[in-house]
Amino acid sequence: MAEDQVMFPKITESGLEELSKRIGVEVGATAEPWCYEATRDNIRHYAHGIGDDNPLWCDPDYAAKTRHEGIIALPSFLFTTSRIVSGYVGGLPGVHAMWSGADWNWHKPVKRNDVIRTEAKLKDLVEHDTRFAGRAIQQTYHVDFYNQHGDLVADADSWCFRTERDHARELGTKYSDVKSRPPRVYTEEELSAAYELYRSEQVRGAETRYWEDVTEGEALPVMFKGPMTVTGFIAYAQGWGGLYIRANKLAWQLIDAHPGVGIKNRFGIPDCPERVHWEEDFALRVGAPGAYDYGPERCSWLTHHMTNWMGDNGFLRRATCKIRRHNPAGDMLFIKGHVKRKFIENGRHLVEIEQEARNQDDELSVLGSGVVELPSRG
């Protein structure tokens, strides 16, 4: 790579050594979470940000008639209560961070007006060789989530890949074919076929799904997300809060405290790296195929797929998400799943689900899995 093509900081051994000293150390004060409390509006805004209209999260009158006796938060709402689990990484200033996956465990429902407190630690650093950017560092954090009573409601490991933006742009091979394609323009017939999945999307709701009625191998309904637009990415950020989205004085304070966060835009103004999700030119500069969706957003789509299927009386115990490629604007996403097995553990009747999502060109976008607890007729 020519010296005049180098725009961004690189991963250095000294930077990695310094970062490794933080493993196992509790993360101190960071940017405050988007949501401290699971209010009616905060829950609804997040649900609508992922396109989830389940009345259990959004309609107080409906929710009051369920066993929960009121609104509860959808499982992925907890992304709003911790910027660490959402991808706010420390160390390696100026090196790109891509949120790439999570392992979640839920222990108790988050109820309306619960106050959430979190504790986070850097868990691990693992080096990889990737097609996207060559050398990459997988940076994993562990976060515990507590309610106002001190109850552990969930815990999660989430990880970002730290990549060299210049290498991804100039030498990365993962999206070489995508970048050479002309923009996809859909026909009315293609859009109508996709929108039919929205029209037929079912929320199980009050119709109890019993463990005994589930069959190993059975398929979950296909869930559609998209077509991807910058408008959709911003709608998600409205509910989730983003990592670095600030305005005026608050934007200056962030960049003044963390200069590596401020990357100059075409006006010469330092602006946040998060704009890869709405600024096409900047996304291309970091090696992405275009402005693309958020990682926690896609993780939340997978859990949405399962909560629609399990109904009001189910409880999502575990979920894993492993992102495999970007979803740039223009993509469609089709989420499929099936029941891998049924089992009983500690008296709980559980169903393990495997998921994968592919785009309109049948390219693998994300792999997922989950464990759902269902009521038993016994």
Protein backbone atom coordinates (compact mmCIF):
# COMPACT_ATOMS: atom_id res chain seq x y z
CA MET A 1 0.00 0.00 0.00
CA ALA A 2 1.46 3.36 -1.02
CA GLU A 3 2.32 5.72 1.83
CA ASP A 4 -0.01 8.45 0.50
CA GLN A 5 -2.94 6.00 0.68
CA VAL A 6 -2.59 5.58 4.45
CA MET A 7 -5.43 7.54 6.07
CA PHE A 8 -6.09 5.77 9.37
CA PRO A 9 -4.16 4.44 12.39
CA LYS A 10 -2.89 0.87 12.31
CA ILE A 11 -2.92 -1.97 14.83
CA THR A 12 0.41 -1.90 16.66
CA GLU A 13 2.07 -4.37 19.02
CA SER A 14 2.44 -1.68 21.66
CA GLY A 15 -1.25 -0.82 21.38
CA LEU A 16 -2.22 -4.48 21.74
CA GLU A 17 0.07 -4.95 24.70
CA GLU A 18 -1.44 -1.95 26.44
CA LEU A 19 -4.98 -3.12 25.69
CA SER A 20 -4.27 -6.66 26.96
CA LYS A 21 -3.56 -5.22 30.42
CA ARG A 22 -7.27 -4.43 30.69
CA ILE A 23 -8.42 -8.06 30.40
CA GLY A 24 -10.43 -9.01 33.48
CA VAL A 25 -10.51 -5.44 34.77
CA GLU A 26 -13.93 -3.88 35.32
CA VAL A 27 -14.64 -1.13 32.83
CA GLY A 28 -14.95 2.20 34.59
CA ALA A 29 -17.15 5.13 33.69
CA THR A 30 -17.89 5.25 29.96
CA ALA A 31 -20.48 7.06 27.87
CA GLU A 32 -23.79 6.85 29.68
CA PRO A 33 -26.34 4.36 28.29
CA TRP A 34 -29.14 5.49 26.03
CA CYS A 35 -31.69 4.11 28.49
CA TYR A 36 -31.41 3.68 32.24
CA GLU A 37 -35.04 2.62 32.57
CA ALA A 38 -37.38 0.31 30.68
CA THR A 39 -40.15 2.87 30.30
CA ARG A 40 -43.16 2.34 28.09
CA ASP A 41 -41.76 4.71 25.47
CA ASN A 42 -38.18 3.41 25.61
CA ILE A 43 -39.39 -0.16 25.08
CA ARG A 44 -41.71 0.85 22.24
CA HIS A 45 -39.08 2.96 20.49
CA TYR A 46 -36.62 0.07 20.50
CA ALA A 47 -39.24 -2.44 19.32
CA HIS A 48 -40.31 -0.15 16.49
CA GLY A 49 -36.65 0.46 15.61
CA ILE A 50 -36.33 -3.21 14.65
CA GLY A 51 -39.78 -3.38 13.06
CA ASP A 52 -41.36 -5.35 15.94
CA ASP A 53 -45.01 -4.51 16.69
CA ASN A 54 -45.64 -7.25 19.27
CA PRO A 55 -48.35 -5.85 21.59
CA LEU A 56 -46.66 -7.49 24.60
CA TRP A 57 -43.99 -4.77 24.32
CA CYS A 58 -46.12 -1.99 22.87
CA ASP A 59 -49.75 -2.10 24.08
CA PRO A 60 -50.39 -1.67 27.84
CA ASP A 61 -54.02 -2.77 27.61
CA TYR A 62 -53.09 -5.97 25.80
CA ALA A 63 -50.12 -6.71 28.06
CA ALA A 64 -52.22 -6.23 31.23
CA LYS A 65 -54.24 -9.33 30.28
CA THR A 66 -51.18 -11.58 29.97
CA ARG A 67 -49.41 -13.49 32.75
CA HIS A 68 -46.96 -10.58 32.93
CA GLU A 69 -49.80 -8.22 33.94
CA GLY A 70 -48.21 -5.40 32.02
CA ILE A 71 -45.68 -4.45 29.38
CA ILE A 72 -42.31 -6.19 29.44
CA ALA A 73 -39.25 -5.35 27.40
CA LEU A 74 -38.33 -7.40 24.37
CA PRO A 75 -35.10 -9.34 25.11
CA SER A 76 -32.88 -7.24 22.84
CA PHE A 77 -33.98 -4.00 24.53
CA LEU A 78 -31.00 -4.44 26.88
CA PHE A 79 -28.74 -3.24 24.06
CA THR A 80 -29.99 0.25 24.94
CA THR A 81 -28.78 -0.04 28.53
CA SER A 82 -25.09 -0.68 27.80
CA ARG A 83 -22.89 0.89 25.19
CA ILE A 84 -20.25 -1.73 25.99
CA VAL A 85 -22.43 -4.65 24.88
CA SER A 86 -23.36 -2.55 21.85
CA GLY A 87 -19.77 -2.12 20.65
CA TYR A 88 -18.25 0.80 22.56
CA VAL A 89 -14.68 -0.52 22.69
CA GLY A 90 -11.61 0.83 24.44
CA GLY A 91 -8.00 0.89 23.29
CA LEU A 92 -6.44 1.01 19.80
CA PRO A 93 -7.58 4.60 19.13
CA GLY A 94 -8.62 5.27 15.55
CA VAL A 95 -8.70 1.57 14.61
CA HIS A 96 -12.07 0.58 13.15
CA ALA A 97 -14.43 -1.52 15.28
CA MET A 98 -17.16 -3.68 13.72
CA TRP A 99 -19.72 -5.25 16.06
CA SER A 100 -19.73 -8.89 15.00
CA GLY A 101 -21.66 -11.06 17.43
CA ALA A 102 -22.97 -11.86 20.88
CA ASP A 103 -23.90 -14.67 23.24
CA TRP A 104 -26.87 -13.71 25.44
CA ASN A 105 -28.39 -15.37 28.51
CA TRP A 106 -31.64 -14.06 30.01
CA HIS A 107 -32.64 -14.97 33.55
CA LYS A 108 -35.69 -12.82 34.30
CA PRO A 109 -38.04 -10.61 32.27
CA VAL A 110 -37.35 -6.88 32.27
CA LYS A 111 -40.60 -5.25 33.38
CA ARG A 112 -41.95 -1.80 32.63
CA ASN A 113 -40.05 0.87 34.59
CA ASP A 114 -37.30 -1.48 35.74
CA VAL A 115 -34.02 0.39 36.29
CA ILE A 116 -31.04 -1.38 34.76
CA ARG A 117 -27.47 -1.28 36.09
CA THR A 118 -24.57 -2.97 34.29
CA GLU A 119 -21.09 -4.25 35.08
CA ALA A 120 -18.62 -4.89 32.26
CA LYS A 121 -15.17 -6.38 31.81
CA LEU A 122 -12.87 -6.90 28.84
CA LYS A 123 -12.89 -10.70 28.50
CA ASP A 124 -10.50 -11.59 25.68
CA LEU A 125 -8.43 -10.50 22.67
CA VAL A 126 -7.96 -12.99 19.81
CA GLU A 127 -6.10 -12.36 16.56
CA HIS A 128 -7.61 -13.48 13.23
CA ASP A 129 -6.71 -13.32 9.55
CA THR A 130 -9.75 -12.14 7.60
CA ARG A 131 -10.74 -11.68 3.97
CA PHE A 132 -12.28 -8.33 4.89
CA ALA A 133 -9.22 -6.62 6.35
CA GLY A 134 -6.37 -9.09 6.78
CA ARG A 135 -5.19 -8.91 10.36
CA ALA A 136 -8.06 -8.34 12.80
CA ILE A 137 -8.41 -8.43 16.57
CA GLN A 138 -11.56 -9.95 18.08
CA GLN A 139 -12.22 -7.88 21.23
CA THR A 140 -14.76 -9.51 23.57
CA TYR A 141 -16.50 -7.94 26.56
CA HIS A 142 -18.68 -9.56 29.21
CA VAL A 143 -21.59 -7.53 30.61
CA ASP A 144 -23.96 -8.35 33.49
CA PHE A 145 -27.36 -6.63 33.72
CA TYR A 146 -29.12 -6.06 37.07
CA ASN A 147 -32.49 -4.55 37.91
CA GLN A 148 -33.25 -2.15 40.77
CA HIS A 149 -33.69 -5.10 43.17
CA GLY A 150 -30.19 -6.38 42.45
CA ASP A 151 -31.49 -9.36 40.45
CA LEU A 152 -29.36 -10.53 37.55
CA VAL A 153 -31.75 -10.26 34.59
CA ALA A 154 -29.25 -11.10 31.82
CA ASP A 155 -25.61 -11.49 30.93
CA ALA A 156 -23.86 -11.34 27.58
CA ASP A 157 -20.55 -11.66 25.80
CA SER A 158 -20.30 -9.42 22.75
CA TRP A 159 -17.42 -8.86 20.40
CA CYS A 160 -16.10 -6.43 17.85
CA PHE A 161 -13.45 -7.00 15.23
CA ARG A 162 -10.82 -4.26 15.20
CA THR A 163 -9.62 -3.83 11.63
CA GLU A 164 -7.29 -1.56 9.70
CA ARG A 165 -9.47 0.63 7.52
CA ASP A 166 -6.81 1.23 4.87
CA HIS A 167 -6.08 -2.49 4.45
CA ALA A 168 -9.80 -3.28 4.20
CA ARG A 169 -10.28 -0.64 1.53
CA GLU A 170 -7.21 -1.37 -0.59
CA LEU A 171 -6.44 -5.06 -0.07
CA GLY A 172 -9.56 -6.69 1.36
CA THR A 173 -11.08 -9.29 -0.99
CA LYS A 174 -14.40 -10.05 0.70
CA TYR A 175 -16.46 -7.49 -1.21
CA SER A 176 -14.46 -7.11 -4.41
CA ASP A 177 -17.29 -8.62 -6.49
CA VAL A 178 -19.99 -6.62 -4.68
CA LYS A 179 -18.27 -3.30 -5.28
CA SER A 180 -18.09 -3.98 -9.01
CA ARG A 181 -21.82 -4.63 -9.32
CA PRO A 182 -24.19 -1.89 -10.48
CA PRO A 183 -26.73 -0.75 -7.87
CA ARG A 184 -29.57 -3.22 -7.49
CA VAL A 185 -32.90 -1.90 -8.77
CA TYR A 186 -35.87 -4.07 -7.79
CA THR A 187 -38.92 -4.67 -9.93
CA GLU A 188 -42.39 -4.17 -8.53
CA GLU A 189 -42.86 -7.95 -8.69
CA GLU A 190 -39.73 -8.57 -6.57
CA LEU A 191 -40.83 -6.02 -3.98
CA SER A 192 -44.38 -7.39 -3.87
CA ALA A 193 -43.12 -10.93 -3.25
CA ALA A 194 -40.94 -9.72 -0.36
CA TYR A 195 -43.67 -7.52 1.12
CA GLU A 196 -46.02 -10.52 1.15
CA LEU A 197 -43.83 -11.87 3.98
CA TYR A 198 -44.63 -8.72 5.97
CA ARG A 199 -48.31 -9.13 5.20
CA SER A 200 -48.30 -12.72 6.47
CA GLU A 201 -45.98 -12.20 9.47
CA GLN A 202 -47.58 -13.71 12.57
CA VAL A 203 -47.06 -12.82 16.21
CA ARG A 204 -47.98 -15.92 18.24
CA GLY A 205 -49.19 -13.77 21.11
CA ALA A 206 -51.78 -15.20 23.49
CA GLU A 207 -52.08 -18.52 21.66
CA THR A 208 -49.86 -20.63 23.93
CA ARG A 209 -47.25 -22.77 22.23
CA TYR A 210 -46.74 -25.87 24.37
CA TRP A 211 -43.48 -27.82 24.49
CA GLU A 212 -45.29 -31.06 23.74
CA ASP A 213 -46.67 -29.65 20.48
CA VAL A 214 -43.23 -28.80 19.06
CA THR A 215 -41.57 -31.26 16.69
CA GLU A 216 -37.82 -31.54 16.16
CA GLY A 217 -36.99 -30.44 12.62
CA GLU A 218 -40.04 -28.20 12.19
CA ALA A 219 -39.41 -24.87 10.49
CA LEU A 220 -40.13 -21.44 11.87
CA PRO A 221 -41.89 -19.02 9.50
CA VAL A 222 -39.47 -17.06 7.30
CA MET A 223 -39.01 -13.51 8.60
CA PHE A 224 -38.24 -10.70 6.16
CA LYS A 225 -36.22 -7.58 6.93
CA GLY A 226 -35.61 -4.82 4.44
CA PRO A 227 -35.13 -3.69 1.83
CA MET A 228 -32.24 -2.01 3.64
CA THR A 229 -32.31 1.77 3.54
CA VAL A 230 -30.42 4.49 5.37
CA THR A 231 -33.82 5.54 6.73
CA GLY A 232 -34.16 2.11 8.32
CA PHE A 233 -30.69 2.28 9.86
CA ILE A 234 -31.50 5.66 11.39
CA ALA A 235 -34.85 4.35 12.67
CA TYR A 236 -32.90 1.71 14.57
CA ALA A 237 -30.48 4.30 15.97
CA GLN A 238 -33.46 6.32 17.25
CA GLY A 239 -34.51 3.43 19.49
CA TRP A 240 -31.04 2.14 20.34
CA GLY A 241 -29.21 5.42 20.79
CA GLY A 242 -26.08 4.69 18.82
CA LEU A 243 -22.54 4.71 20.15
CA TYR A 244 -21.18 8.09 19.16
CA ILE A 245 -24.16 10.07 17.84
CA ARG A 246 -23.91 13.49 19.48
CA ALA A 247 -24.72 17.07 18.48
CA ASN A 248 -22.93 20.38 18.85
CA LYS A 249 -21.23 20.81 22.26
CA LEU A 250 -21.73 17.16 23.23
CA ALA A 251 -20.15 16.01 19.95
CA TRP A 252 -17.17 18.30 20.60
CA GLN A 253 -16.81 17.03 24.17
CA LEU A 254 -16.67 13.42 22.98
CA ILE A 255 -14.06 14.08 20.29
CA ASP A 256 -12.07 16.40 22.55
CA ALA A 257 -11.84 13.62 25.15
CA HIS A 258 -11.26 10.84 22.56
CA PRO A 259 -9.57 12.34 19.46
CA GLY A 260 -9.44 8.96 17.71
CA VAL A 261 -13.24 9.03 17.45
CA GLY A 262 -13.19 12.16 15.28
CA ILE A 263 -12.54 11.32 11.62
CA LYS A 264 -12.70 14.32 9.30
CA ASN A 265 -15.57 14.48 6.84
CA ARG A 266 -15.51 16.19 3.43
CA PHE A 267 -15.78 19.58 5.13
CA GLY A 268 -12.71 18.92 7.25
CA ILE A 269 -14.87 18.56 10.36
CA PRO A 270 -14.08 15.70 12.78
CA ASP A 271 -17.12 13.43 12.80
CA CYS A 272 -17.94 10.05 14.35
CA PRO A 273 -16.98 6.69 12.79
CA GLU A 274 -20.59 5.56 13.18
CA ARG A 275 -21.47 7.43 10.02
CA VAL A 276 -20.52 4.30 8.05
CA HIS A 277 -24.19 3.46 8.59
CA TRP A 278 -25.54 6.47 6.70
CA GLU A 279 -22.67 7.97 4.68
CA GLU A 280 -21.92 5.88 1.59
CA ASP A 281 -18.55 7.46 0.77
CA PHE A 282 -17.20 6.96 4.27
CA ALA A 283 -18.40 3.34 4.37
CA LEU A 284 -16.43 2.69 1.17
CA ARG A 285 -13.35 4.35 2.70
CA VAL A 286 -13.27 1.77 5.49
CA GLY A 287 -13.68 -1.17 3.09
CA ALA A 288 -17.42 -1.82 3.48
CA PRO A 289 -19.59 -2.37 0.38
CA GLY A 290 -21.70 0.70 1.22
CA ALA A 291 -23.65 2.22 4.10
CA TYR A 292 -24.84 -0.78 6.11
CA ASP A 293 -27.01 -1.97 9.00
CA TYR A 294 -25.98 -2.11 12.66
CA GLY A 295 -24.73 -5.35 14.21
CA PRO A 296 -26.94 -5.17 17.33
CA GLU A 297 -29.85 -4.42 15.00
CA ARG A 298 -29.30 -7.69 13.15
CA CYS A 299 -28.90 -9.60 16.41
CA SER A 300 -32.24 -8.13 17.49
CA TRP A 301 -33.89 -9.29 14.26
CA LEU A 302 -32.89 -12.87 15.12
CA THR A 303 -34.40 -12.64 18.61
CA HIS A 304 -37.52 -11.02 17.07
CA HIS A 305 -37.83 -14.09 14.85
CA MET A 306 -37.92 -16.32 17.95
CA THR A 307 -40.18 -14.19 20.16
CA ASN A 308 -42.78 -14.03 17.38
CA TRP A 309 -42.74 -17.84 17.29
CA MET A 310 -42.74 -18.60 21.03
CA GLY A 311 -45.71 -16.43 22.09
CA ASP A 312 -46.50 -14.52 25.28
CA ASN A 313 -45.98 -17.53 27.54
CA GLY A 314 -42.57 -18.47 26.23
CA PHE A 315 -39.28 -17.11 27.56
CA LEU A 316 -36.12 -16.65 25.50
CA ARG A 317 -33.32 -18.11 27.61
CA ARG A 318 -30.31 -17.95 25.30
CA ALA A 319 -29.37 -16.53 21.92
CA THR A 320 -26.23 -16.38 19.81
CA CYS A 321 -25.54 -14.19 16.80
CA LYS A 322 -22.50 -14.44 14.49
CA ILE A 323 -22.35 -11.88 11.70
CA ARG A 324 -20.83 -13.04 8.43
CA ARG A 325 -21.12 -10.05 6.08
CA HIS A 326 -22.48 -6.50 5.86
CA ASN A 327 -26.05 -5.75 4.81
CA PRO A 328 -25.59 -2.59 2.68
CA ALA A 329 -28.44 -0.35 1.63
CA GLY A 330 -30.42 -2.11 -1.08
CA ASP A 331 -30.11 -5.58 0.42
CA MET A 332 -33.02 -7.74 1.48
CA LEU A 333 -32.71 -10.26 4.32
CA PHE A 334 -34.60 -13.54 4.78
CA ILE A 335 -34.32 -15.15 8.23
CA LYS A 336 -34.97 -18.89 8.42
CA GLY A 337 -34.93 -21.22 11.41
CA HIS A 338 -35.79 -24.71 12.54
CA VAL A 339 -36.14 -26.65 15.77
CA LYS A 340 -32.88 -28.51 16.35
CA ARG A 341 -33.92 -30.37 19.50
CA LYS A 342 -36.26 -30.51 22.48
CA PHE A 343 -34.94 -31.22 25.96
CA ILE A 344 -35.61 -30.82 29.66
CA GLU A 345 -33.02 -29.17 31.90
CA ASN A 346 -33.43 -28.31 35.58
CA GLY A 347 -37.15 -28.87 35.25
CA ARG A 348 -37.46 -26.45 32.31
CA HIS A 349 -38.98 -27.54 29.02
CA LEU A 350 -36.62 -26.15 26.38
CA VAL A 351 -36.42 -25.92 22.60
CA GLU A 352 -33.17 -25.24 20.75
CA ILE A 353 -33.53 -23.30 17.51
CA GLU A 354 -30.98 -22.83 14.71
CA GLN A 355 -31.18 -19.82 12.41
CA GLU A 356 -29.50 -18.38 9.37
CA ALA A 357 -30.24 -15.33 7.26
CA ARG A 358 -29.32 -14.80 3.63
CA ASN A 359 -29.70 -11.85 1.31
CA GLN A 360 -31.44 -11.62 -2.04
CA ASP A 361 -28.40 -13.19 -3.74
CA ASP A 362 -28.37 -16.14 -1.29
CA GLU A 363 -25.20 -14.84 0.40
CA LEU A 364 -24.93 -15.79 4.08
CA SER A 365 -25.41 -12.72 6.26
CA VAL A 366 -25.70 -14.05 9.82
CA LEU A 367 -25.88 -17.29 11.80
CA GLY A 368 -27.91 -17.55 14.98
CA SER A 369 -29.30 -19.92 17.55
CA GLY A 370 -31.46 -19.76 20.63
CA VAL A 371 -33.01 -21.69 23.47
CA VAL A 372 -36.67 -21.01 24.23
CA GLU A 373 -38.46 -22.15 27.39
CA LEU A 374 -42.06 -23.15 26.71
CA PRO A 375 -44.97 -24.13 28.98
CA SER A 376 -45.63 -27.83 29.36
CA ARG A 377 -49.08 -29.40 29.33
CA GLY A 378 -47.84 -31.54 32.19
